Amino acid sequence: MKRYALNYLEQWYKKENSKPLILRGARQVGKSTLVRLFCSQQNINLVELNFETTKLKQIEDDTSFSIEKVIREIELLTGKRVGKGSLLFLDEVQIQPKVINRLRYFYEERPDLRIIAAGSLLEVTLDAASFSMPVGRVQYYQLGPMSFSEFLMAKGEDIFLERLNEISLQEESDTAWIEQGAQLLKEFYYTGGMPEAVRCWTEGGDHEEVRDVQNSIIQTYRDDIPKYASNSSEYSRVSDVFEYAAGSLGEKVVFSDVSKAHSNAVKESIDLLARAGVITKTTFNYCNGLPLQAGTNPSVIKLFFLDIGLYHAMLGIEWAHLFSLSSDKLLTKGRMAEQFIAQHLKFLNPRNPVPELYYWLNNKRKGAAEIDFVHAHGGEIVPIEVKAGKTGKIKSLWQYIELKKPAHVVKFDLMERRERVSEISHNLPNSDSGSPLKSRLIGLPLFEVEKLNSYLSTLW
């Protein structure tokens, strides 16, 4: 199946003196398959070493370590030459984490080699590593589940995908466009973007077979918990977080509702699952300036799941239920639309080694306001709302506009629009200024979220 990451790998492979690439992402998002597919399509000699079955003795040798010794050992173990025209793929490196540290020597001594390292629990290993990371000697790529447009490619929806790629902000969102997009969203909401589930669906599997695949992945995540929980108490807390995330998706986390443990211990368990990529943490941001990372309150968070299909599998939502939903319910039922937007926003910039999501909350006045997401682009902080139907109101956006004066705001929904970019204004009640609030609203269908950055770039 086509993944946009294949284009990135091609650029990386052909670039002179490319650094070793660390491929990051949760288990079963398709990291190993991506590398194998790339080598097959590009006719590259793939030299693959899986550390679940093999360990490199020369990597551990501190007294007489040399890259050439490591390469000779790899060649003996695999029966393949490692050199120009090949790609060395080191999979499941979290099992022998010293490999990660040694990548710097590959870059310094053998810059002609192309090396990719990956691992299903790599994030947890990197965070817990006692050695120094090879800063400046490696590069990263964050792989997530398949996006909606990748799902469309897998399904062969060429006509819809062609318009999705070509449509501009100046074109209207007509009825046929919205209705077809809503129907395709229903399929994606059920299957999600986990490659195995998408493959099952696009190769003729029925709803039950897709759900079997998803349940197997979920059980794999549950089985992984002991691998990064250091003791039974932590195991229990991480398990509680995993189950809580699906049941309280997109809601402000109340730590005492997650576990009876101290809130700091619960936060640590949330961070563990977030680093493993199984859940996505969305942190409160004051939105006082850039970078967004500098203005957060880590005690105020919401949780989303890695993938919308897995989320529905966790809740036992059946295909017939999703298929019967109206467009309005696709936005409001169980925070499905927010989950869809969250998992796409997270991977808009896959070169960011640690993607973060943020939201804004104002509870200092009567009628607390919440902005679903805030997104940094082009030196601006852009508030993003996910709203329902044709009558969805934007009271929270007006509070944000009053306080933060953004030049642009974004609203995702399933409305038909003649103008997708419009000037909006609002007269505040009991205001002494006499001047209405103003901003520029970008109104988009949910399924155009992947184009957000390109749209914003045309407006600056």
Protein backbone atom coordinates (compact mmCIF):
# COMPACT_ATOMS: atom_id res chain seq x y z
CA MET A 1 0.00 0.00 0.00
CA LYS A 2 1.18 3.49 -0.83
CA ARG A 3 2.55 5.52 2.09
CA TYR A 4 3.75 9.10 1.80
CA ALA A 5 6.76 8.09 3.85
CA LEU A 6 8.07 6.24 0.78
CA ASN A 7 8.74 9.61 -0.87
CA TYR A 8 10.68 10.75 2.17
CA LEU A 9 12.74 7.54 2.22
CA GLU A 10 13.62 8.01 -1.45
CA GLN A 11 14.90 11.54 -0.82
CA TRP A 12 16.82 10.40 2.24
CA TYR A 13 18.40 7.43 0.46
CA LYS A 14 19.57 9.44 -2.56
CA LYS A 15 20.90 12.39 -0.59
CA GLU A 16 24.68 12.43 -0.30
CA ASN A 17 25.97 11.56 3.18
CA SER A 18 22.52 11.00 4.69
CA LYS A 19 22.53 10.42 8.42
CA PRO A 20 21.27 7.12 9.89
CA LEU A 21 17.49 7.31 10.13
CA ILE A 22 15.59 6.38 13.28
CA LEU A 23 12.05 5.40 12.31
CA ARG A 24 9.75 6.11 15.23
CA GLY A 25 6.15 5.11 15.82
CA ALA A 26 3.85 2.78 17.74
CA ARG A 27 3.74 -0.95 17.22
CA GLN A 28 2.03 -2.15 14.02
CA VAL A 29 1.85 1.20 12.23
CA GLY A 30 3.88 -0.43 9.44
CA LYS A 31 7.53 0.56 10.06
CA SER A 32 9.11 -2.74 9.00
CA THR A 33 6.75 -3.20 6.06
CA LEU A 34 7.53 0.35 4.89
CA VAL A 35 11.28 -0.34 4.74
CA ARG A 36 10.83 -3.65 2.93
CA LEU A 37 8.42 -2.12 0.44
CA PHE A 38 10.79 0.77 -0.23
CA CYS A 39 13.72 -1.54 -0.95
CA SER A 40 11.57 -3.73 -3.18
CA GLN A 41 10.27 -0.78 -5.21
CA GLN A 42 13.71 0.84 -5.53
CA ASN A 43 15.55 -2.44 -6.23
CA ILE A 44 17.80 -1.91 -3.21
CA ASN A 45 19.71 -4.71 -1.51
CA LEU A 46 18.02 -4.96 1.89
CA VAL A 47 20.19 -6.24 4.73
CA GLU A 48 17.81 -6.77 7.63
CA LEU A 49 18.72 -7.67 11.19
CA ASN A 50 16.00 -8.27 13.78
CA PHE A 51 17.21 -8.02 17.36
CA GLU A 52 14.35 -10.17 18.64
CA THR A 53 16.26 -13.13 17.19
CA THR A 54 19.83 -11.83 16.95
CA LYS A 55 22.29 -9.86 19.04
CA LEU A 56 25.48 -8.22 17.82
CA LYS A 57 28.45 -9.08 20.00
CA GLN A 58 30.68 -6.43 18.45
CA ILE A 59 28.24 -3.67 19.42
CA GLU A 60 28.83 -4.43 23.10
CA ASP A 61 32.65 -4.53 22.82
CA ASP A 62 33.87 -1.30 24.44
CA THR A 63 37.57 -2.18 24.39
CA SER A 64 38.10 -2.91 20.69
CA PHE A 65 34.91 -1.61 19.09
CA SER A 66 35.05 -0.76 15.41
CA ILE A 67 32.40 -0.24 12.76
CA GLU A 68 34.18 -2.57 10.35
CA LYS A 69 34.01 -5.40 12.88
CA VAL A 70 30.28 -4.78 13.31
CA ILE A 71 29.75 -4.80 9.54
CA ARG A 72 31.65 -8.07 9.15
CA GLU A 73 29.53 -9.64 11.90
CA ILE A 74 26.33 -8.45 10.21
CA GLU A 75 27.47 -9.86 6.88
CA LEU A 76 28.21 -13.22 8.47
CA LEU A 77 24.83 -13.32 10.23
CA THR A 78 22.77 -12.29 7.19
CA GLY A 79 24.83 -13.74 4.36
CA LYS A 80 24.61 -10.38 2.54
CA ARG A 81 27.14 -7.68 1.70
CA VAL A 82 26.79 -4.30 3.40
CA GLY A 83 27.97 -1.49 1.16
CA LYS A 84 27.00 1.05 -1.47
CA GLY A 85 23.69 0.16 -3.08
CA SER A 86 22.39 -1.60 0.02
CA LEU A 87 20.28 -0.54 2.99
CA LEU A 88 21.02 -1.83 6.48
CA PHE A 89 17.80 -2.18 8.44
CA LEU A 90 18.16 -2.70 12.20
CA ASP A 91 14.75 -3.69 13.53
CA GLU A 92 13.55 -3.95 17.15
CA VAL A 93 16.66 -2.11 18.34
CA GLN A 94 15.09 -1.45 21.74
CA ILE A 95 16.14 -5.01 22.64
CA GLN A 96 19.82 -4.05 22.27
CA PRO A 97 19.68 -0.29 22.87
CA LYS A 98 23.43 0.21 22.62
CA VAL A 99 22.91 -0.08 18.87
CA ILE A 100 21.25 3.35 18.94
CA ASN A 101 24.27 4.97 20.55
CA ARG A 102 26.63 3.30 18.06
CA LEU A 103 24.79 4.83 15.08
CA ARG A 104 26.95 7.92 15.38
CA TYR A 105 30.02 5.89 14.45
CA PHE A 106 28.33 4.60 11.31
CA TYR A 107 27.73 8.19 10.26
CA GLU A 108 31.23 9.39 11.15
CA GLU A 109 33.20 6.44 9.75
CA ARG A 110 30.95 5.08 6.98
CA PRO A 111 28.83 7.98 5.69
CA ASP A 112 28.37 6.05 2.43
CA LEU A 113 26.11 3.51 4.16
CA ARG A 114 22.34 3.91 4.42
CA ILE A 115 21.01 2.73 7.78
CA ILE A 116 17.51 2.67 9.26
CA ALA A 117 16.83 1.73 12.89
CA ALA A 118 13.34 1.02 14.20
CA GLY A 119 11.64 -0.57 17.18
CA SER A 120 8.15 -1.13 18.49
CA LEU A 121 8.92 0.24 21.97
CA LEU A 122 11.70 2.54 20.86
CA GLU A 123 10.24 5.67 22.43
CA VAL A 124 10.27 4.18 25.93
CA THR A 125 13.81 2.87 25.43
CA LEU A 126 15.12 6.21 24.19
CA ASP A 127 13.62 7.99 27.18
CA ALA A 128 15.04 5.51 29.69
CA ALA A 129 18.45 5.15 28.04
CA SER A 130 21.40 5.73 30.36
CA PHE A 131 23.77 6.49 27.46
CA SER A 132 24.11 9.75 25.54
CA MET A 133 22.10 9.97 22.35
CA PRO A 134 23.97 10.54 19.06
CA VAL A 135 22.71 14.12 18.76
CA GLY A 136 23.39 15.60 15.34
CA ARG A 137 24.47 12.22 13.98
CA VAL A 138 21.02 10.77 13.27
CA GLN A 139 17.69 11.99 11.91
CA TYR A 140 14.15 10.99 12.75
CA TYR A 141 10.90 10.22 10.99
CA GLN A 142 7.65 9.71 12.91
CA LEU A 143 5.35 7.15 11.30
CA GLY A 144 1.72 7.07 12.37
CA PRO A 145 -1.31 5.10 11.19
CA MET A 146 -2.34 5.50 7.56
CA SER A 147 -3.96 8.87 6.94
CA PHE A 148 -7.37 9.34 5.35
CA SER A 149 -5.83 10.07 1.94
CA GLU A 150 -3.58 6.99 2.20
CA PHE A 151 -6.73 5.01 3.00
CA LEU A 152 -8.33 6.45 -0.15
CA MET A 153 -5.32 5.36 -2.21
CA ALA A 154 -5.58 1.85 -0.80
CA LYS A 155 -9.28 1.76 -1.69
CA GLY A 156 -8.67 3.01 -5.22
CA GLU A 157 -10.83 6.12 -4.75
CA ASP A 158 -8.90 7.89 -7.48
CA ILE A 159 -11.54 10.43 -8.55
CA PHE A 160 -12.31 11.65 -5.01
CA LEU A 161 -8.60 11.68 -4.16
CA GLU A 162 -7.79 13.68 -7.29
CA ARG A 163 -10.22 16.40 -6.30
CA LEU A 164 -8.99 16.30 -2.70
CA ASN A 165 -5.46 16.95 -3.94
CA GLU A 166 -6.47 19.69 -6.36
CA ILE A 167 -9.21 21.59 -4.50
CA SER A 168 -8.27 25.07 -3.29
CA LEU A 169 -9.60 27.44 -0.67
CA GLN A 170 -11.25 29.47 -3.43
CA GLU A 171 -13.54 26.59 -4.47
CA GLU A 172 -16.85 25.93 -2.79
CA SER A 173 -17.72 22.84 -0.73
CA ASP A 174 -20.70 21.55 -2.72
CA THR A 175 -23.31 18.99 -1.69
CA ALA A 176 -21.92 16.06 -3.68
CA TRP A 177 -18.41 16.68 -2.34
CA ILE A 178 -19.55 16.75 1.27
CA GLU A 179 -21.87 13.76 0.97
CA GLN A 180 -19.29 11.52 -0.70
CA GLY A 181 -16.65 12.59 1.81
CA ALA A 182 -19.01 11.79 4.70
CA GLN A 183 -19.62 8.28 3.36
CA LEU A 184 -15.89 7.64 3.01
CA LEU A 185 -15.34 9.01 6.51
CA LYS A 186 -17.72 6.37 7.87
CA GLU A 187 -15.55 3.65 6.39
CA PHE A 188 -12.38 5.21 7.78
CA TYR A 189 -13.97 5.74 11.18
CA TYR A 190 -14.56 1.98 11.31
CA THR A 191 -11.37 0.61 9.76
CA GLY A 192 -9.03 3.33 10.98
CA GLY A 193 -5.51 3.60 9.63
CA MET A 194 -3.69 0.59 11.03
CA PRO A 195 -2.19 -0.95 7.85
CA GLU A 196 -3.26 -4.52 8.59
CA ALA A 197 -6.87 -3.44 9.14
CA VAL A 198 -6.85 -1.32 5.96
CA ARG A 199 -5.38 -4.20 3.98
CA CYS A 200 -8.06 -6.55 5.29
CA TRP A 201 -10.82 -4.10 4.30
CA THR A 202 -9.48 -3.21 0.86
CA GLU A 203 -8.77 -6.84 -0.05
CA GLY A 204 -12.35 -7.92 0.53
CA GLY A 205 -12.49 -8.62 4.25
CA ASP A 206 -15.81 -8.01 5.95
CA HIS A 207 -16.53 -5.90 9.04
CA GLU A 208 -16.01 -8.77 11.45
CA GLU A 209 -12.62 -9.67 9.95
CA VAL A 210 -11.49 -6.05 10.25
CA ARG A 211 -12.64 -5.98 13.86
CA ASP A 212 -10.71 -9.22 14.55
CA VAL A 213 -7.55 -7.54 13.26
CA GLN A 214 -8.17 -4.49 15.44
CA ASN A 215 -8.86 -6.57 18.55
CA SER A 216 -5.61 -8.46 17.95
CA ILE A 217 -3.67 -5.18 17.80
CA ILE A 218 -5.35 -3.93 20.98
CA GLN A 219 -4.43 -7.15 22.78
CA THR A 220 -0.84 -6.73 21.58
CA TYR A 221 -0.77 -3.29 23.20
CA ARG A 222 -2.13 -4.76 26.43
CA ASP A 223 0.50 -7.51 26.29
CA ASP A 224 3.22 -4.89 25.83
CA ILE A 225 2.46 -3.08 29.07
CA PRO A 226 4.74 -5.29 31.24
CA LYS A 227 7.64 -4.47 28.90
CA TYR A 228 7.72 -0.84 29.97
CA ALA A 229 6.15 -0.99 33.40
CA SER A 230 8.88 -1.52 35.99
CA ASN A 231 6.70 -3.12 38.70
CA SER A 232 3.21 -4.45 39.40
CA SER A 233 1.92 -1.10 40.70
CA GLU A 234 3.04 0.72 37.56
CA TYR A 235 1.60 -2.08 35.42
CA SER A 236 -1.77 -1.58 37.09
CA ARG A 237 -1.68 2.20 36.59
CA VAL A 238 -0.69 1.94 32.92
CA SER A 239 -3.48 -0.59 32.34
CA ASP A 240 -5.94 1.80 34.00
CA VAL A 241 -4.80 4.65 31.72
CA PHE A 242 -5.16 2.47 28.62
CA GLU A 243 -8.77 1.61 29.42
CA TYR A 244 -9.60 5.12 30.63
CA ALA A 245 -8.37 6.77 27.41
CA ALA A 246 -11.02 5.11 25.26
CA GLY A 247 -13.87 5.69 27.71
CA SER A 248 -13.05 9.35 28.35
CA LEU A 249 -11.73 10.36 24.94
CA GLY A 250 -11.18 14.09 24.49
CA GLU A 251 -12.27 14.99 28.02
CA LYS A 252 -10.17 16.84 30.56
CA VAL A 253 -8.41 14.15 32.56
CA VAL A 254 -9.40 13.85 36.21
CA PHE A 255 -6.48 11.90 37.64
CA SER A 256 -8.48 10.47 40.54
CA ASP A 257 -10.90 8.94 38.02
CA VAL A 258 -8.05 7.08 36.32
CA SER A 259 -6.51 5.44 39.36
CA LYS A 260 -6.45 5.68 43.14
CA ALA A 261 -2.71 6.30 42.94
CA HIS A 262 -1.17 9.75 43.48
CA SER A 263 -1.70 12.12 40.56
CA ASN A 264 2.05 12.30 39.83
CA ALA A 265 2.16 8.52 39.45
CA VAL A 266 -0.84 8.63 37.12
CA LYS A 267 0.85 11.35 35.04
CA GLU A 268 3.94 9.16 34.71
CA SER A 269 1.78 6.27 33.47
CA ILE A 270 0.07 8.55 30.95
CA ASP A 271 3.47 9.72 29.73
CA LEU A 272 4.61 6.11 29.32
CA LEU A 273 1.68 5.23 27.06
CA ALA A 274 2.07 8.51 25.18
CA ARG A 275 5.75 7.82 24.52
CA ALA A 276 4.86 4.33 23.33
CA GLY A 277 2.51 6.02 20.87
CA VAL A 278 -0.59 4.13 21.99
CA ILE A 279 -2.36 7.28 23.20
CA THR A 280 -1.98 10.93 22.25
CA LYS A 281 -1.72 13.49 25.00
CA THR A 282 -3.16 16.95 24.28
CA THR A 283 -1.87 19.54 26.73
CA PHE A 284 -3.40 22.84 27.84
CA ASN A 285 -1.59 25.82 26.32
CA TYR A 286 -1.80 29.46 27.40
CA CYS A 287 -1.31 30.57 23.77
CA ASN A 288 0.70 33.62 24.80
CA GLY A 289 3.37 33.12 22.15
CA LEU A 290 5.64 30.73 20.28
CA PRO A 291 7.02 28.18 20.63
CA LEU A 292 3.91 26.48 21.97
CA GLN A 293 6.03 24.07 24.01
CA ALA A 294 7.00 26.94 26.31
CA GLY A 295 3.46 27.82 27.37
CA THR A 296 1.89 24.64 28.69
CA ASN A 297 0.30 23.44 31.89
CA PRO A 298 1.16 19.70 31.97
CA SER A 299 -1.40 19.05 34.70
CA VAL A 300 -4.30 19.93 32.39
CA ILE A 301 -4.57 17.38 29.58
CA LYS A 302 -6.96 15.49 27.32
CA LEU A 303 -6.31 12.06 25.85
CA PHE A 304 -6.94 10.68 22.39
CA PHE A 305 -6.21 7.24 20.98
CA LEU A 306 -3.58 6.33 18.40
CA ASP A 307 -6.21 5.40 15.84
CA ILE A 308 -9.93 5.95 15.37
CA GLY A 309 -10.54 2.36 14.26
CA LEU A 310 -8.89 0.99 17.40
CA TYR A 311 -10.91 3.46 19.47
CA HIS A 312 -14.17 2.10 18.06
CA ALA A 313 -12.97 -1.46 18.56
CA MET A 314 -12.23 -0.65 22.21
CA LEU A 315 -15.81 0.59 22.63
CA GLY A 316 -17.34 -2.25 20.60
CA ILE A 317 -18.96 0.14 18.09
CA GLU A 318 -20.33 -1.91 15.19
CA TRP A 319 -20.31 -1.07 11.49
CA ALA A 320 -24.10 -0.84 11.26
CA HIS A 321 -24.08 1.86 13.94
CA LEU A 322 -21.49 4.01 12.16
CA PHE A 323 -23.07 3.50 8.75
CA SER A 324 -26.43 4.80 9.97
CA LEU A 325 -25.06 8.06 11.39
CA SER A 326 -26.04 11.38 9.85
CA SER A 327 -23.39 13.99 9.02
CA ASP A 328 -24.13 15.84 12.27
CA LYS A 329 -23.67 12.68 14.32
CA LEU A 330 -20.36 11.99 12.56
CA LEU A 331 -19.15 15.16 14.25
CA THR A 332 -20.73 14.84 17.68
CA LYS A 333 -21.11 11.14 18.49
CA GLY A 334 -18.45 10.05 20.99
CA ARG A 335 -15.97 12.76 19.96
CA MET A 336 -15.20 10.80 16.79
CA ALA A 337 -14.47 13.93 14.78
CA GLU A 338 -12.01 15.22 17.37
CA GLN A 339 -10.22 11.86 17.36
CA PHE A 340 -10.03 11.98 13.55
CA ILE A 341 -8.57 15.50 13.59
CA ALA A 342 -6.18 14.69 16.46
CA GLN A 343 -4.54 11.72 14.77
CA HIS A 344 -4.01 13.72 11.59
CA LEU A 345 -2.72 16.89 13.28
CA LYS A 346 -0.17 14.84 15.19
CA PHE A 347 1.53 13.64 12.02
CA LEU A 348 1.26 16.75 9.83
CA ASN A 349 5.02 17.16 10.29
CA PRO A 350 6.50 13.64 10.50
CA ARG A 351 10.04 15.02 10.67
CA ASN A 352 9.27 16.33 14.14
CA PRO A 353 10.74 13.62 16.39
CA VAL A 354 8.32 14.31 19.26
CA PRO A 355 5.02 15.68 17.91
CA GLU A 356 2.79 17.33 20.50
CA LEU A 357 -0.84 18.46 20.47
CA TYR A 358 -2.23 21.40 22.43
CA TYR A 359 -5.58 22.94 23.30
CA TRP A 360 -6.82 26.09 25.06
CA LEU A 361 -9.22 26.42 27.96
CA ASN A 362 -10.71 29.49 29.63
CA ASN A 363 -12.66 28.72 32.79
CA LYS A 364 -12.16 32.06 34.50
CA ARG A 365 -15.55 33.37 33.47
CA LYS A 366 -19.08 32.08 33.49
CA GLY A 367 -19.54 29.66 30.62
CA ALA A 368 -16.07 28.16 30.25
CA ALA A 369 -14.67 28.18 26.72
CA GLU A 370 -12.54 25.45 25.19
CA ILE A 371 -10.73 25.44 21.84
CA ASP A 372 -10.31 21.86 20.64
CA PHE A 373 -6.77 22.33 19.28
CA VAL A 374 -4.24 25.10 18.75
CA HIS A 375 -1.75 24.78 15.91
CA ALA A 376 1.42 26.72 15.17
CA HIS A 377 2.10 27.71 11.57
CA GLY A 378 3.92 30.56 9.87
CA GLY A 379 4.71 32.34 13.12
CA GLU A 380 1.07 32.34 14.22
CA ILE A 381 -1.00 30.36 16.70
CA VAL A 382 -4.11 29.13 14.92
CA PRO A 383 -7.11 28.00 17.01
CA ILE A 384 -9.01 25.00 15.62
CA GLU A 385 -12.60 24.09 16.40
CA VAL A 386 -14.42 20.90 15.41
CA LYS A 387 -18.13 21.69 15.24
CA ALA A 388 -21.38 20.01 14.25
CA GLY A 389 -23.67 20.61 11.30
CA LYS A 390 -24.87 23.80 9.67
CA THR A 391 -25.81 25.55 12.89
CA GLY A 392 -22.67 24.83 14.90
CA LYS A 393 -21.89 27.89 17.01
CA ILE A 394 -18.45 29.27 17.78
CA LYS A 395 -18.89 30.89 21.20
CA SER A 396 -15.55 29.51 22.39
CA LEU A 397 -13.81 30.92 19.32
CA TRP A 398 -15.20 34.37 20.06
CA GLN A 399 -13.80 34.22 23.59
CA TYR A 400 -10.44 33.20 22.16
CA ILE A 401 -10.57 35.97 19.56
CA GLU A 402 -11.40 38.51 22.26
CA LEU A 403 -8.41 37.51 24.38
CA LYS A 404 -5.76 36.46 21.83
CA LYS A 405 -6.63 38.44 18.66
CA PRO A 406 -5.70 35.73 16.13
CA ALA A 407 -5.52 36.69 12.45
CA HIS A 408 -7.01 33.34 11.40
CA VAL A 409 -9.25 30.73 13.00
CA VAL A 410 -10.12 27.28 11.62
CA LYS A 411 -13.40 25.38 11.86
CA PHE A 412 -13.72 21.76 10.74
CA ASP A 413 -17.22 20.43 10.05
CA LEU A 414 -19.29 18.97 7.21
CA MET A 415 -20.98 22.15 5.99
CA GLU A 416 -21.51 23.17 2.38
CA ARG A 417 -19.76 26.49 1.74
CA ARG A 418 -19.61 28.89 -1.15
CA GLU A 419 -16.80 30.76 0.60
CA ARG A 420 -14.32 28.71 2.58
CA VAL A 421 -12.42 31.80 3.76
CA SER A 422 -14.51 34.62 5.17
CA GLU A 423 -14.21 37.72 7.32
CA ILE A 424 -16.20 37.32 10.53
CA SER A 425 -17.20 39.88 13.14
CA HIS A 426 -19.08 39.83 16.42
CA ASN A 427 -20.43 42.58 18.65
CA LEU A 428 -19.68 41.90 22.28
CA PRO A 429 -22.59 42.52 24.66
CA ASN A 430 -22.00 45.32 27.18
CA SER A 431 -18.81 46.38 25.40
CA ASP A 432 -17.61 49.97 25.85
CA SER A 433 -15.24 49.89 22.90
CA GLY A 434 -17.96 49.98 20.25
CA SER A 435 -15.74 47.97 17.95
CA PRO A 436 -16.75 44.42 17.03
CA LEU A 437 -14.37 41.47 17.26
CA LYS A 438 -12.93 40.47 13.90
CA SER A 439 -10.96 37.59 12.46
CA ARG A 440 -10.69 35.48 9.34
CA LEU A 441 -12.48 32.12 9.40
CA ILE A 442 -11.23 29.16 7.38
CA GLY A 443 -14.08 26.66 7.14
CA LEU A 444 -13.09 23.17 5.97
CA PRO A 445 -14.62 19.71 5.71
CA LEU A 446 -13.13 17.26 8.18
CA PHE A 447 -11.57 15.19 5.42
CA GLU A 448 -9.37 18.09 4.25
CA VAL A 449 -7.36 18.21 7.49
CA GLU A 450 -4.20 16.93 5.78
CA LYS A 451 -4.16 20.08 3.63
CA LEU A 452 -4.28 22.46 6.58
CA ASN A 453 -0.66 23.63 6.43
CA SER A 454 -0.71 24.15 2.67
CA TYR A 455 -3.95 26.14 2.97
CA LEU A 456 -2.54 28.31 5.76
CA SER A 457 0.61 28.98 3.73
CA THR A 458 -1.47 30.54 0.96
CA LEU A 459 -2.97 33.08 3.39
CA TRP A 460 0.12 34.48 5.02
